[in-house]
Amino acid sequence: MFVHRARRVVGWVADVSPGPLSRDQWATVRFMLPRGRRGVMAVPFRYGRLEVGDAVEILYDPAHPVDARRATLFVLWRTTLIAAVAAVGFFAAGISRAPE
């Protein structure tokens, strides 16, 4: 699982450009990898949330540094959230079919 093997670093927003929708933008985020290597990734976000120079927390796979993601709540808890929603769905289905 990505989150368990990922390393956490802080990157910075180097550039901001418009996205396909008027309220969306893309940020080019640069971050440092071990041994002085540099990483670059594009991060989508809603208009006005990031500016050039802002710090952004990044997770990257040490074996494949091109696999980098912004460390957001959803990225960190995605598997748990999906499992919880599925469990609630199964529970609700089980209750609705329970004999009276």
PDB file of N, CA and C in Angstrom:
ATOM      1  N   MET A   1       0.838  -1.182   0.000  1.00  0.00           N
ATOM      2  CA  MET A   1       0.000   0.000   0.000  1.00  0.00           C
ATOM      3  C   MET A   1       0.887   1.250   0.000  1.00  0.00           C
ATOM      4  N   PHE A   2       0.542   2.186  -0.843  1.00  0.00           N
ATOM      5  CA  PHE A   2       1.373   3.369  -1.066  1.00  0.00           C
ATOM      6  C   PHE A   2       1.708   4.113   0.226  1.00  0.00           C
ATOM      7  N   VAL A   3       0.726   4.393   1.050  1.00  0.00           N
ATOM      8  CA  VAL A   3       0.935   5.226   2.239  1.00  0.00           C
ATOM      9  C   VAL A   3       1.936   4.591   3.201  1.00  0.00           C
ATOM     10  N   HIS A   4       1.931   3.269   3.302  1.00  0.00           N
ATOM     11  CA  HIS A   4       2.824   2.587   4.246  1.00  0.00           C
ATOM     12  C   HIS A   4       4.287   2.605   3.809  1.00  0.00           C
ATOM     13  N   ARG A   5       4.526   2.603   2.502  1.00  0.00           N
ATOM     14  CA  ARG A   5       5.917   2.604   2.042  1.00  0.00           C
ATOM     15  C   ARG A   5       6.422   4.001   1.672  1.00  0.00           C
ATOM     16  N   ALA A   6       5.529   4.967   1.639  1.00  0.00           N
ATOM     17  CA  ALA A   6       5.880   6.319   1.189  1.00  0.00           C
ATOM     18  C   ALA A   6       6.714   7.074   2.216  1.00  0.00           C
ATOM     19  N   ARG A   7       7.529   7.969   1.707  1.00  0.00           N
ATOM     20  CA  ARG A   7       8.288   8.910   2.531  1.00  0.00           C
ATOM     21  C   ARG A   7       7.606  10.264   2.443  1.00  0.00           C
ATOM     22  N   ARG A   8       7.670  11.016   3.530  1.00  0.00           N
ATOM     23  CA  ARG A   8       7.030  12.325   3.595  1.00  0.00           C
ATOM     24  C   ARG A   8       8.097  13.416   3.510  1.00  0.00           C
ATOM     25  N   VAL A   9       7.870  14.380   2.609  1.00  0.00           N
ATOM     26  CA  VAL A   9       8.758  15.537   2.475  1.00  0.00           C
ATOM     27  C   VAL A   9       7.887  16.782   2.299  1.00  0.00           C
ATOM     28  N   VAL A  10       8.509  17.917   2.490  1.00  0.00           N
ATOM     29  CA  VAL A  10       7.814  19.177   2.248  1.00  0.00           C
ATOM     30  C   VAL A  10       8.345  19.760   0.952  1.00  0.00           C
ATOM     31  N   GLY A  11       7.417  20.086   0.047  1.00  0.00           N
ATOM     32  CA  GLY A  11       7.780  20.713  -1.205  1.00  0.00           C
ATOM     33  C   GLY A  11       7.283  22.148  -1.209  1.00  0.00           C
ATOM     34  N   TRP A  12       7.516  22.839  -2.308  1.00  0.00           N
ATOM     35  CA  TRP A  12       7.049  24.211  -2.408  1.00  0.00           C
ATOM     36  C   TRP A  12       6.426  24.424  -3.788  1.00  0.00           C
ATOM     37  N   VAL A  13       5.439  25.284  -3.821  1.00  0.00           N
ATOM     38  CA  VAL A  13       4.757  25.597  -5.074  1.00  0.00           C
ATOM     39  C   VAL A  13       5.667  26.506  -5.899  1.00  0.00           C
ATOM     40  N   ALA A  14       6.036  26.017  -7.090  1.00  0.00           N
ATOM     41  CA  ALA A  14       6.925  26.780  -7.966  1.00  0.00           C
ATOM     42  C   ALA A  14       6.154  27.564  -9.020  1.00  0.00           C
ATOM     43  N   ASP A  15       4.954  27.075  -9.379  1.00  0.00           N
ATOM     44  CA  ASP A  15       4.184  27.728 -10.426  1.00  0.00           C
ATOM     45  C   ASP A  15       2.713  27.361 -10.247  1.00  0.00           C
ATOM     46  N   VAL A  16       1.836  28.260 -10.666  1.00  0.00           N
ATOM     47  CA  VAL A  16       0.390  28.021 -10.633  1.00  0.00           C
ATOM     48  C   VAL A  16      -0.157  28.348 -12.008  1.00  0.00           C
ATOM     49  N   SER A  17      -0.964  27.432 -12.567  1.00  0.00           N
ATOM     50  CA  SER A  17      -1.554  27.675 -13.886  1.00  0.00           C
ATOM     51  C   SER A  17      -3.024  27.285 -13.876  1.00  0.00           C
ATOM     52  N   PRO A  18      -3.815  27.860 -14.783  1.00  0.00           N
ATOM     53  CA  PRO A  18      -5.241  27.562 -14.802  1.00  0.00           C
ATOM     54  C   PRO A  18      -5.516  26.118 -15.209  1.00  0.00           C
ATOM     55  N   GLY A  19      -6.581  25.561 -14.640  1.00  0.00           N
ATOM     56  CA  GLY A  19      -7.019  24.221 -14.994  1.00  0.00           C
ATOM     57  C   GLY A  19      -8.117  24.276 -16.041  1.00  0.00           C
ATOM     58  N   PRO A  20      -8.715  23.109 -16.354  1.00  0.00           N
ATOM     59  CA  PRO A  20      -9.735  23.072 -17.397  1.00  0.00           C
ATOM     60  C   PRO A  20     -11.029  23.799 -17.023  1.00  0.00           C
ATOM     61  N   LEU A  21     -11.336  23.868 -15.743  1.00  0.00           N
ATOM     62  CA  LEU A  21     -12.518  24.596 -15.290  1.00  0.00           C
ATOM     63  C   LEU A  21     -12.077  25.911 -14.675  1.00  0.00           C
ATOM     64  N   SER A  22     -12.924  26.915 -14.709  1.00  0.00           N
ATOM     65  CA  SER A  22     -12.534  28.241 -14.229  1.00  0.00           C
ATOM     66  C   SER A  22     -12.180  28.260 -12.753  1.00  0.00           C
ATOM     67  N   ARG A  23     -12.728  27.347 -11.977  1.00  0.00           N
ATOM     68  CA  ARG A  23     -12.447  27.346 -10.530  1.00  0.00           C
ATOM     69  C   ARG A  23     -11.271  26.442 -10.157  1.00  0.00           C
ATOM     70  N   ASP A  24     -10.706  25.726 -11.125  1.00  0.00           N
ATOM     71  CA  ASP A  24      -9.595  24.814 -10.866  1.00  0.00           C
ATOM     72  C   ASP A  24      -8.268  25.420 -11.295  1.00  0.00           C
ATOM     73  N   GLN A  25      -7.212  24.991 -10.626  1.00  0.00           N
ATOM     74  CA  GLN A  25      -5.865  25.376 -11.006  1.00  0.00           C
ATOM     75  C   GLN A  25      -4.937  24.187 -10.801  1.00  0.00           C
ATOM     76  N   TRP A  26      -3.770  24.263 -11.406  1.00  0.00           N
ATOM     77  CA  TRP A  26      -2.723  23.269 -11.228  1.00  0.00           C
ATOM     78  C   TRP A  26      -1.500  23.962 -10.646  1.00  0.00           C
ATOM     79  N   ALA A  27      -0.911  23.342  -9.657  1.00  0.00           N
ATOM     80  CA  ALA A  27       0.322  23.868  -9.069  1.00  0.00           C
ATOM     81  C   ALA A  27       1.463  22.922  -9.427  1.00  0.00           C
ATOM     82  N   THR A  28       2.584  23.480  -9.845  1.00  0.00           N
ATOM     83  CA  THR A  28       3.798  22.697 -10.025  1.00  0.00           C
ATOM     84  C   THR A  28       4.528  22.731  -8.690  1.00  0.00           C
ATOM     85  N   VAL A  29       4.698  21.564  -8.096  1.00  0.00           N
ATOM     86  CA  VAL A  29       5.324  21.460  -6.771  1.00  0.00           C
ATOM     87  C   VAL A  29       6.684  20.792  -6.923  1.00  0.00           C
ATOM     88  N   ARG A  30       7.700  21.411  -6.372  1.00  0.00           N
ATOM     89  CA  ARG A  30       9.064  20.864  -6.402  1.00  0.00           C
ATOM     90  C   ARG A  30       9.433  20.415  -4.992  1.00  0.00           C
ATOM     91  N   PHE A  31      10.169  19.293  -4.926  1.00  0.00           N
ATOM     92  CA  PHE A  31      10.599  18.780  -3.622  1.00  0.00           C
ATOM     93  C   PHE A  31      11.931  18.068  -3.774  1.00  0.00           C
ATOM     94  N   MET A  32      12.647  17.946  -2.678  1.00  0.00           N
ATOM     95  CA  MET A  32      13.972  17.327  -2.692  1.00  0.00           C
ATOM     96  C   MET A  32      13.867  15.860  -2.291  1.00  0.00           C
ATOM     97  N   LEU A  33      14.604  15.023  -3.019  1.00  0.00           N
ATOM     98  CA  LEU A  33      14.712  13.599  -2.732  1.00  0.00           C
ATOM     99  C   LEU A  33      16.082  13.336  -2.116  1.00  0.00           C
ATOM    100  N   PRO A  34      16.301  12.151  -1.586  1.00  0.00           N
ATOM    101  CA  PRO A  34      17.626  11.833  -1.038  1.00  0.00           C
ATOM    102  C   PRO A  34      18.730  11.973  -2.098  1.00  0.00           C
ATOM    103  N   ARG A  35      19.920  12.194  -1.633  1.00  0.00           N
ATOM    104  CA  ARG A  35      21.112  12.330  -2.481  1.00  0.00           C
ATOM    105  C   ARG A  35      21.041  13.530  -3.415  1.00  0.00           C
ATOM    106  N   GLY A  36      20.289  14.559  -3.020  1.00  0.00           N
ATOM    107  CA  GLY A  36      20.241  15.792  -3.773  1.00  0.00           C
ATOM    108  C   GLY A  36      19.394  15.779  -5.035  1.00  0.00           C
ATOM    109  N   ARG A  37      18.703  14.673  -5.291  1.00  0.00           N
ATOM    110  CA  ARG A  37      17.829  14.635  -6.474  1.00  0.00           C
ATOM    111  C   ARG A  37      16.597  15.491  -6.223  1.00  0.00           C
ATOM    112  N   ARG A  38      15.976  15.929  -7.306  1.00  0.00           N
ATOM    113  CA  ARG A  38      14.792  16.775  -7.193  1.00  0.00           C
ATOM    114  C   ARG A  38      13.582  16.066  -7.785  1.00  0.00           C
ATOM    115  N   GLY A  39      12.450  16.298  -7.160  1.00  0.00           N
ATOM    116  CA  GLY A  39      11.192  15.772  -7.664  1.00  0.00           C
ATOM    117  C   GLY A  39      10.281  16.915  -8.059  1.00  0.00           C
ATOM    118  N   VAL A  40       9.432  16.656  -9.047  1.00  0.00           N
ATOM    119  CA  VAL A  40       8.460  17.646  -9.509  1.00  0.00           C
ATOM    120  C   VAL A  40       7.148  16.917  -9.731  1.00  0.00           C
ATOM    121  N   MET A  41       6.065  17.551  -9.325  1.00  0.00           N
ATOM    122  CA  MET A  41       4.753  16.972  -9.576  1.00  0.00           C
ATOM    123  C   MET A  41       3.735  18.072  -9.805  1.00  0.00           C
ATOM    124  N   ALA A  42       2.650  17.729 -10.489  1.00  0.00           N
ATOM    125  CA  ALA A  42       1.546  18.659 -10.705  1.00  0.00           C
ATOM    126  C   ALA A  42       0.435  18.310  -9.734  1.00  0.00           C
ATOM    127  N   VAL A  43      -0.114  19.321  -9.076  1.00  0.00           N
ATOM    128  CA  VAL A  43      -1.158  19.125  -8.067  1.00  0.00           C
ATOM    129  C   VAL A  43      -2.390  19.929  -8.469  1.00  0.00           C
ATOM    130  N   PRO A  44      -3.537  19.247  -8.676  1.00  0.00           N
ATOM    131  CA  PRO A  44      -4.762  20.006  -8.950  1.00  0.00           C
ATOM    132  C   PRO A  44      -5.329  20.574  -7.652  1.00  0.00           C
ATOM    133  N   PHE A  45      -5.944  21.739  -7.710  1.00  0.00           N
ATOM    134  CA  PHE A  45      -6.562  22.321  -6.520  1.00  0.00           C
ATOM    135  C   PHE A  45      -7.579  23.360  -6.925  1.00  0.00           C
ATOM    136  N   ARG A  46      -8.421  23.728  -5.976  1.00  0.00           N
ATOM    137  CA  ARG A  46      -9.442  24.757  -6.232  1.00  0.00           C
ATOM    138  C   ARG A  46      -8.793  26.132  -6.245  1.00  0.00           C
ATOM    139  N   TYR A  47      -9.327  27.015  -7.051  1.00  0.00           N
ATOM    140  CA  TYR A  47      -8.806  28.367  -7.237  1.00  0.00           C
ATOM    141  C   TYR A  47      -8.558  29.073  -5.905  1.00  0.00           C
ATOM    142  N   GLY A  48      -7.381  29.680  -5.785  1.00  0.00           N
ATOM    143  CA  GLY A  48      -7.067  30.512  -4.634  1.00  0.00           C
ATOM    144  C   GLY A  48      -6.563  29.778  -3.408  1.00  0.00           C
ATOM    145  N   ARG A  49      -6.417  28.480  -3.471  1.00  0.00           N
ATOM    146  CA  ARG A  49      -5.987  27.743  -2.278  1.00  0.00           C
ATOM    147  C   ARG A  49      -4.480  27.640  -2.138  1.00  0.00           C
ATOM    148  N   LEU A  50      -3.755  27.709  -3.240  1.00  0.00           N
ATOM    149  CA  LEU A  50      -2.300  27.645  -3.200  1.00  0.00           C
ATOM    150  C   LEU A  50      -1.719  28.815  -3.975  1.00  0.00           C
ATOM    151  N   GLU A  51      -0.575  29.292  -3.509  1.00  0.00           N
ATOM    152  CA  GLU A  51       0.135  30.370  -4.191  1.00  0.00           C
ATOM    153  C   GLU A  51       1.599  29.990  -4.314  1.00  0.00           C
ATOM    154  N   VAL A  52       2.292  30.617  -5.245  1.00  0.00           N
ATOM    155  CA  VAL A  52       3.719  30.358  -5.426  1.00  0.00           C
ATOM    156  C   VAL A  52       4.437  30.608  -4.112  1.00  0.00           C
ATOM    157  N   GLY A  53       5.281  29.656  -3.720  1.00  0.00           N
ATOM    158  CA  GLY A  53       6.034  29.746  -2.467  1.00  0.00           C
ATOM    159  C   GLY A  53       5.398  28.996  -1.305  1.00  0.00           C
ATOM    160  N   ASP A  54       4.130  28.599  -1.427  1.00  0.00           N
ATOM    161  CA  ASP A  54       3.470  27.854  -0.350  1.00  0.00           C
ATOM    162  C   ASP A  54       4.130  26.493  -0.149  1.00  0.00           C
ATOM    163  N   ALA A  55       4.190  26.062   1.095  1.00  0.00           N
ATOM    164  CA  ALA A  55       4.703  24.726   1.419  1.00  0.00           C
ATOM    165  C   ALA A  55       3.590  23.703   1.227  1.00  0.00           C
ATOM    166  N   VAL A  56       3.943  22.546   0.670  1.00  0.00           N
ATOM    167  CA  VAL A  56       2.990  21.476   0.417  1.00  0.00           C
ATOM    168  C   VAL A  56       3.611  20.166   0.889  1.00  0.00           C
ATOM    169  N   GLU A  57       2.878  19.414   1.698  1.00  0.00           N
ATOM    170  CA  GLU A  57       3.373  18.128   2.160  1.00  0.00           C
ATOM    171  C   GLU A  57       3.176  17.086   1.070  1.00  0.00           C
ATOM    172  N   ILE A  58       4.243  16.341   0.758  1.00  0.00           N
ATOM    173  CA  ILE A  58       4.251  15.370  -0.330  1.00  0.00           C
ATOM    174  C   ILE A  58       4.598  13.990   0.224  1.00  0.00           C
ATOM    175  N   LEU A  59       3.954  12.961  -0.322  1.00  0.00           N
ATOM    176  CA  LEU A  59       4.334  11.570  -0.078  1.00  0.00           C
ATOM    177  C   LEU A  59       4.875  11.023  -1.390  1.00  0.00           C
ATOM    178  N   TYR A  60       6.009  10.324  -1.339  1.00  0.00           N
ATOM    179  CA  TYR A  60       6.541   9.708  -2.558  1.00  0.00           C
ATOM    180  C   TYR A  60       7.041   8.311  -2.238  1.00  0.00           C
ATOM    181  N   ASP A  61       7.001   7.450  -3.239  1.00  0.00           N
ATOM    182  CA  ASP A  61       7.470   6.073  -3.108  1.00  0.00           C
ATOM    183  C   ASP A  61       8.981   6.073  -3.323  1.00  0.00           C
ATOM    184  N   PRO A  62       9.780   5.672  -2.323  1.00  0.00           N
ATOM    185  CA  PRO A  62      11.241   5.698  -2.472  1.00  0.00           C
ATOM    186  C   PRO A  62      11.742   4.822  -3.631  1.00  0.00           C
ATOM    187  N   ALA A  63      11.033   3.738  -3.927  1.00  0.00           N
ATOM    188  CA  ALA A  63      11.443   2.865  -5.029  1.00  0.00           C
ATOM    189  C   ALA A  63      11.097   3.475  -6.391  1.00  0.00           C
ATOM    190  N   HIS A  64      10.085   4.320  -6.432  1.00  0.00           N
ATOM    191  CA  HIS A  64       9.626   4.962  -7.665  1.00  0.00           C
ATOM    192  C   HIS A  64       9.264   6.413  -7.358  1.00  0.00           C
ATOM    193  N   PRO A  65      10.247   7.298  -7.245  1.00  0.00           N
ATOM    194  CA  PRO A  65       9.989   8.683  -6.841  1.00  0.00           C
ATOM    195  C   PRO A  65       9.026   9.449  -7.749  1.00  0.00           C
ATOM    196  N   VAL A  66       8.813   8.967  -8.969  1.00  0.00           N
ATOM    197  CA  VAL A  66       7.842   9.650  -9.830  1.00  0.00           C
ATOM    198  C   VAL A  66       6.416   9.429  -9.331  1.00  0.00           C
ATOM    199  N   ASP A  67       6.220   8.430  -8.460  1.00  0.00           N
ATOM    200  CA  ASP A  67       4.911   8.197  -7.847  1.00  0.00           C
ATOM    201  C   ASP A  67       4.825   9.051  -6.589  1.00  0.00           C
ATOM    202  N   ALA A  68       4.442  10.297  -6.759  1.00  0.00           N
ATOM    203  CA  ALA A  68       4.339  11.255  -5.652  1.00  0.00           C
ATOM    204  C   ALA A  68       2.917  11.783  -5.589  1.00  0.00           C
ATOM    205  N   ARG A  69       2.448  12.009  -4.373  1.00  0.00           N
ATOM    206  CA  ARG A  69       1.085  12.501  -4.165  1.00  0.00           C
ATOM    207  C   ARG A  69       1.085  13.524  -3.046  1.00  0.00           C
ATOM    208  N   ARG A  70       0.149  14.421  -3.120  1.00  0.00           N
ATOM    209  CA  ARG A  70      -0.017  15.401  -2.046  1.00  0.00           C
ATOM    210  C   ARG A  70      -0.564  14.678  -0.818  1.00  0.00           C
ATOM    211  N   ALA A  71       0.006  14.956   0.334  1.00  0.00           N
ATOM    212  CA  ALA A  71      -0.404  14.286   1.579  1.00  0.00           C
ATOM    213  C   ALA A  71      -1.660  14.949   2.124  1.00  0.00           C
ATOM    214  N   THR A  72      -2.805  14.533   1.605  1.00  0.00           N
ATOM    215  CA  THR A  72      -4.085  15.062   2.063  1.00  0.00           C
ATOM    216  C   THR A  72      -4.770  14.030   2.944  1.00  0.00           C
ATOM    217  N   LEU A  73      -5.791  14.442   3.635  1.00  0.00           N
ATOM    218  CA  LEU A  73      -6.542  13.536   4.499  1.00  0.00           C
ATOM    219  C   LEU A  73      -7.079  12.354   3.703  1.00  0.00           C
ATOM    220  N   PHE A  74      -7.593  12.595   2.499  1.00  0.00           N
ATOM    221  CA  PHE A  74      -8.153  11.509   1.701  1.00  0.00           C
ATOM    222  C   PHE A  74      -7.078  10.504   1.287  1.00  0.00           C
ATOM    223  N   VAL A  75      -5.910  10.978   0.883  1.00  0.00           N
ATOM    224  CA  VAL A  75      -4.830  10.065   0.486  1.00  0.00           C
ATOM    225  C   VAL A  75      -4.404   9.215   1.678  1.00  0.00           C
ATOM    226  N   LEU A  76      -4.291   9.825   2.846  1.00  0.00           N
ATOM    227  CA  LEU A  76      -3.836   9.099   4.030  1.00  0.00           C
ATOM    228  C   LEU A  76      -4.862   8.105   4.562  1.00  0.00           C
ATOM    229  N   TRP A  77      -6.151   8.415   4.427  1.00  0.00           N
ATOM    230  CA  TRP A  77      -7.202   7.587   5.024  1.00  0.00           C
ATOM    231  C   TRP A  77      -8.117   6.928   4.002  1.00  0.00           C
ATOM    232  N   ARG A  78      -7.779   6.950   2.718  1.00  0.00           N
ATOM    233  CA  ARG A  78      -8.649   6.431   1.662  1.00  0.00           C
ATOM    234  C   ARG A  78      -9.099   4.997   1.916  1.00  0.00           C
ATOM    235  N   THR A  79      -8.183   4.083   2.182  1.00  0.00           N
ATOM    236  CA  THR A  79      -8.548   2.676   2.373  1.00  0.00           C
ATOM    237  C   THR A  79      -9.473   2.509   3.561  1.00  0.00           C
ATOM    238  N   THR A  80      -9.188   3.187   4.647  1.00  0.00           N
ATOM    239  CA  THR A  80     -10.037   3.096   5.834  1.00  0.00           C
ATOM    240  C   THR A  80     -11.427   3.650   5.559  1.00  0.00           C
ATOM    241  N   LEU A  81     -11.495   4.778   4.861  1.00  0.00           N
ATOM    242  CA  LEU A  81     -12.796   5.377   4.548  1.00  0.00           C
ATOM    243  C   LEU A  81     -13.624   4.472   3.634  1.00  0.00           C
ATOM    244  N   ILE A  82     -13.000   3.886   2.627  1.00  0.00           N
ATOM    245  CA  ILE A  82     -13.714   2.985   1.717  1.00  0.00           C
ATOM    246  C   ILE A  82     -14.221   1.765   2.476  1.00  0.00           C
ATOM    247  N   ALA A  83     -13.392   1.199   3.337  1.00  0.00           N
ATOM    248  CA  ALA A  83     -13.816   0.038   4.127  1.00  0.00           C
ATOM    249  C   ALA A  83     -14.966   0.401   5.072  1.00  0.00           C
ATOM    250  N   ALA A  84     -14.903   1.578   5.675  1.00  0.00           N
ATOM    251  CA  ALA A  84     -15.970   1.994   6.593  1.00  0.00           C
ATOM    252  C   ALA A  84     -17.288   2.189   5.857  1.00  0.00           C
ATOM    253  N   VAL A  85     -17.243   2.800   4.684  1.00  0.00           N
ATOM    254  CA  VAL A  85     -18.469   2.998   3.898  1.00  0.00           C
ATOM    255  C   VAL A  85     -19.042   1.655   3.469  1.00  0.00           C
ATOM    256  N   ALA A  86     -18.192   0.736   3.042  1.00  0.00           N
ATOM    257  CA  ALA A  86     -18.659  -0.595   2.653  1.00  0.00           C
ATOM    258  C   ALA A  86     -19.270  -1.321   3.848  1.00  0.00           C
ATOM    259  N   ALA A  87     -18.642  -1.211   5.020  1.00  0.00           N
ATOM    260  CA  ALA A  87     -19.167  -1.869   6.220  1.00  0.00           C
ATOM    261  C   ALA A  87     -20.540  -1.316   6.593  1.00  0.00           C
ATOM    262  N   VAL A  88     -20.711  -0.017   6.525  1.00  0.00           N
ATOM    263  CA  VAL A  88     -22.014   0.588   6.830  1.00  0.00           C
ATOM    264  C   VAL A  88     -23.052   0.111   5.823  1.00  0.00           C
ATOM    265  N   GLY A  89     -22.679   0.017   4.549  1.00  0.00           N
ATOM    266  CA  GLY A  89     -23.601  -0.470   3.529  1.00  0.00           C
ATOM    267  C   GLY A  89     -24.028  -1.901   3.777  1.00  0.00           C
ATOM    268  N   PHE A  90     -23.073  -2.770   4.107  1.00  0.00           N
ATOM    269  CA  PHE A  90     -23.408  -4.167   4.410  1.00  0.00           C
ATOM    270  C   PHE A  90     -24.258  -4.267   5.671  1.00  0.00           C
ATOM    271  N   PHE A  91     -23.950  -3.468   6.658  1.00  0.00           N
ATOM    272  CA  PHE A  91     -24.734  -3.462   7.893  1.00  0.00           C
ATOM    273  C   PHE A  91     -26.173  -3.039   7.621  1.00  0.00           C
ATOM    274  N   ALA A  92     -26.342  -1.965   6.838  1.00  0.00           N
ATOM    275  CA  ALA A  92     -27.683  -1.485   6.511  1.00  0.00           C
ATOM    276  C   ALA A  92     -28.453  -2.524   5.701  1.00  0.00           C
ATOM    277  N   ALA A  93     -27.774  -3.177   4.756  1.00  0.00           N
ATOM    278  CA  ALA A  93     -28.429  -4.216   3.965  1.00  0.00           C
ATOM    279  C   ALA A  93     -28.833  -5.396   4.845  1.00  0.00           C
ATOM    280  N   GLY A  94     -27.989  -5.742   5.806  1.00  0.00           N
ATOM    281  CA  GLY A  94     -28.292  -6.849   6.712  1.00  0.00           C
ATOM    282  C   GLY A  94     -29.471  -6.527   7.606  1.00  0.00           C
ATOM    283  N   ILE A  95     -29.575  -5.296   8.083  1.00  0.00           N
ATOM    284  CA  ILE A  95     -30.680  -4.916   8.945  1.00  0.00           C
ATOM    285  C   ILE A  95     -31.999  -4.922   8.177  1.00  0.00           C
ATOM    286  N   SER A  96     -31.955  -4.445   6.928  1.00  0.00           N
ATOM    287  CA  SER A  96     -33.182  -4.372   6.140  1.00  0.00           C
ATOM    288  C   SER A  96     -33.714  -5.762   5.760  1.00  0.00           C
ATOM    289  N   ARG A  97     -32.877  -6.758   5.780  1.00  0.00           N
ATOM    290  CA  ARG A  97     -33.298  -8.121   5.432  1.00  0.00           C
ATOM    291  C   ARG A  97     -33.461  -9.013   6.652  1.00  0.00           C
ATOM    292  N   ALA A  98     -33.291  -8.468   7.815  1.00  0.00           N
ATOM    293  CA  ALA A  98     -33.413  -9.258   9.035  1.00  0.00           C
ATOM    294  C   ALA A  98     -34.864  -9.704   9.239  1.00  0.00           C
ATOM    295  N   PRO A  99     -35.055 -10.951   9.702  1.00  0.00           N
ATOM    296  CA  PRO A  99     -36.434 -11.411   9.959  1.00  0.00           C
ATOM    297  C   PRO A  99     -37.051 -10.657  11.117  1.00  0.00           C
ATOM    298  N   GLU A 100     -38.346 -10.491  11.060  1.00  0.00           N
ATOM    299  CA  GLU A 100     -39.035  -9.741  12.112  1.00  0.00           C
ATOM    300  C   GLU A 100     -39.457 -10.650  13.239  1.00  0.00           C
TER     301      GLU A 100
END
